């Protein structure tokens, strides 16, 4: 079973949050756990995306495809 964190601003974080089990709908098997993020974690992700936009939008489509 995989145990995922949150990848925000180039870093894995928030492993200390409560976890949500992700189940395979076909058989009910638990296949992973993910952090139960809330408002604070969403704000961190939105802020990181906002600050990354200027640099990302300055790249050409070819540079983006390489990444």
C-alpha atoms as a PDB file:
ATOM      1  CA  UNK A   1       0.000   0.000   0.000  1.00  0.00           C
ATOM      2  CA  UNK A   2       1.270   3.461  -0.904  1.00  0.00           C
ATOM      3  CA  UNK A   3       1.353   6.288   1.646  1.00  0.00           C
ATOM      4  CA  UNK A   4       1.319   9.630  -0.148  1.00  0.00           C
ATOM      5  CA  UNK A   5       2.068  13.119   1.088  1.00  0.00           C
ATOM      6  CA  UNK A   6       1.353  16.458  -0.535  1.00  0.00           C
ATOM      7  CA  UNK A   7       3.749  17.809  -3.165  1.00  0.00           C
ATOM      8  CA  UNK A   8       3.633  21.603  -2.880  1.00  0.00           C
ATOM      9  CA  UNK A   9       6.241  24.083  -4.094  1.00  0.00           C
ATOM     10  CA  UNK A  10       8.666  21.327  -5.067  1.00  0.00           C
ATOM     11  CA  UNK A  11       8.585  19.588  -1.689  1.00  0.00           C
ATOM     12  CA  UNK A  12       6.809  16.627  -0.126  1.00  0.00           C
ATOM     13  CA  UNK A  13       5.110  17.691   3.078  1.00  0.00           C
ATOM     14  CA  UNK A  14       2.206  17.293   5.466  1.00  0.00           C
ATOM     15  CA  UNK A  15       2.834  13.695   6.413  1.00  0.00           C
ATOM     16  CA  UNK A  16       1.676  14.465   9.957  1.00  0.00           C
ATOM     17  CA  UNK A  17      -1.967  15.060   8.942  1.00  0.00           C
ATOM     18  CA  UNK A  18      -4.693  12.489   9.489  1.00  0.00           C
ATOM     19  CA  UNK A  19      -4.917  10.088   6.568  1.00  0.00           C
ATOM     20  CA  UNK A  20      -7.756   9.164   4.220  1.00  0.00           C
ATOM     21  CA  UNK A  21      -7.843   5.625   2.855  1.00  0.00           C
ATOM     22  CA  UNK A  22      -8.184   5.291  -0.912  1.00  0.00           C
ATOM     23  CA  UNK A  23     -10.114   2.180  -1.893  1.00  0.00           C
ATOM     24  CA  UNK A  24     -10.324   0.280  -5.152  1.00  0.00           C
ATOM     25  CA  UNK A  25     -14.026   0.576  -6.023  1.00  0.00           C
ATOM     26  CA  UNK A  26     -14.017  -2.807  -7.752  1.00  0.00           C
ATOM     27  CA  UNK A  27     -13.051  -4.841  -4.697  1.00  0.00           C
ATOM     28  CA  UNK A  28     -12.910  -2.472  -1.706  1.00  0.00           C
ATOM     29  CA  UNK A  29      -9.157  -3.072  -1.201  1.00  0.00           C
ATOM     30  CA  UNK A  30      -7.258  -0.158   0.351  1.00  0.00           C
ATOM     31  CA  UNK A  31      -4.640   0.831  -2.207  1.00  0.00           C
ATOM     32  CA  UNK A  32      -3.201   4.002  -0.649  1.00  0.00           C
ATOM     33  CA  UNK A  33      -3.512   6.663   2.000  1.00  0.00           C
ATOM     34  CA  UNK A  34      -3.436  10.412   1.397  1.00  0.00           C
ATOM     35  CA  UNK A  35      -3.282  13.375   3.787  1.00  0.00           C
ATOM     36  CA  UNK A  36      -6.599  14.852   4.859  1.00  0.00           C
ATOM     37  CA  UNK A  37      -5.678  18.397   3.898  1.00  0.00           C
ATOM     38  CA  UNK A  38      -7.846  21.383   4.669  1.00  0.00           C
ATOM     39  CA  UNK A  39      -7.984  25.115   4.140  1.00  0.00           C
ATOM     40  CA  UNK A  40      -4.403  25.812   5.254  1.00  0.00           C
ATOM     41  CA  UNK A  41      -2.940  23.181   2.922  1.00  0.00           C
ATOM     42  CA  UNK A  42      -5.082  24.386   0.009  1.00  0.00           C
ATOM     43  CA  UNK A  43      -3.894  27.962   0.607  1.00  0.00           C
ATOM     44  CA  UNK A  44      -0.246  26.824   0.541  1.00  0.00           C
ATOM     45  CA  UNK A  45      -0.819  25.054  -2.783  1.00  0.00           C
ATOM     46  CA  UNK A  46      -2.658  27.999  -4.355  1.00  0.00           C
ATOM     47  CA  UNK A  47       0.000  30.467  -3.167  1.00  0.00           C
ATOM     48  CA  UNK A  48       2.785  28.271  -4.571  1.00  0.00           C
ATOM     49  CA  UNK A  49       0.993  27.962  -7.917  1.00  0.00           C
ATOM     50  CA  UNK A  50       0.413  31.713  -8.073  1.00  0.00           C
ATOM     51  CA  UNK A  51       4.101  32.461  -7.473  1.00  0.00           C
ATOM     52  CA  UNK A  52       5.201  29.830 -10.015  1.00  0.00           C
ATOM     53  CA  UNK A  53       2.922  31.151 -12.777  1.00  0.00           C
ATOM     54  CA  UNK A  54       5.162  34.044 -13.855  1.00  0.00           C
ATOM     55  CA  UNK A  55       8.189  31.820 -14.437  1.00  0.00           C
ATOM     56  CA  UNK A  56       6.127  29.009 -15.992  1.00  0.00           C
ATOM     57  CA  UNK A  57       4.321  31.296 -18.418  1.00  0.00           C
ATOM     58  CA  UNK A  58       7.652  32.767 -19.563  1.00  0.00           C
ATOM     59  CA  UNK A  59       8.734  29.342 -20.854  1.00  0.00           C
ATOM     60  CA  UNK A  60       8.068  28.302 -24.417  1.00  0.00           C
ATOM     61  CA  UNK A  61       5.843  25.336 -25.162  1.00  0.00           C
ATOM     62  CA  UNK A  62       8.997  23.365 -26.013  1.00  0.00           C
ATOM     63  CA  UNK A  63      10.651  24.175 -22.692  1.00  0.00           C
ATOM     64  CA  UNK A  64       7.486  23.195 -20.837  1.00  0.00           C
ATOM     65  CA  UNK A  65       7.267  19.898 -22.700  1.00  0.00           C
ATOM     66  CA  UNK A  66      10.833  19.048 -21.670  1.00  0.00           C
ATOM     67  CA  UNK A  67       9.918  19.518 -18.016  1.00  0.00           C
END
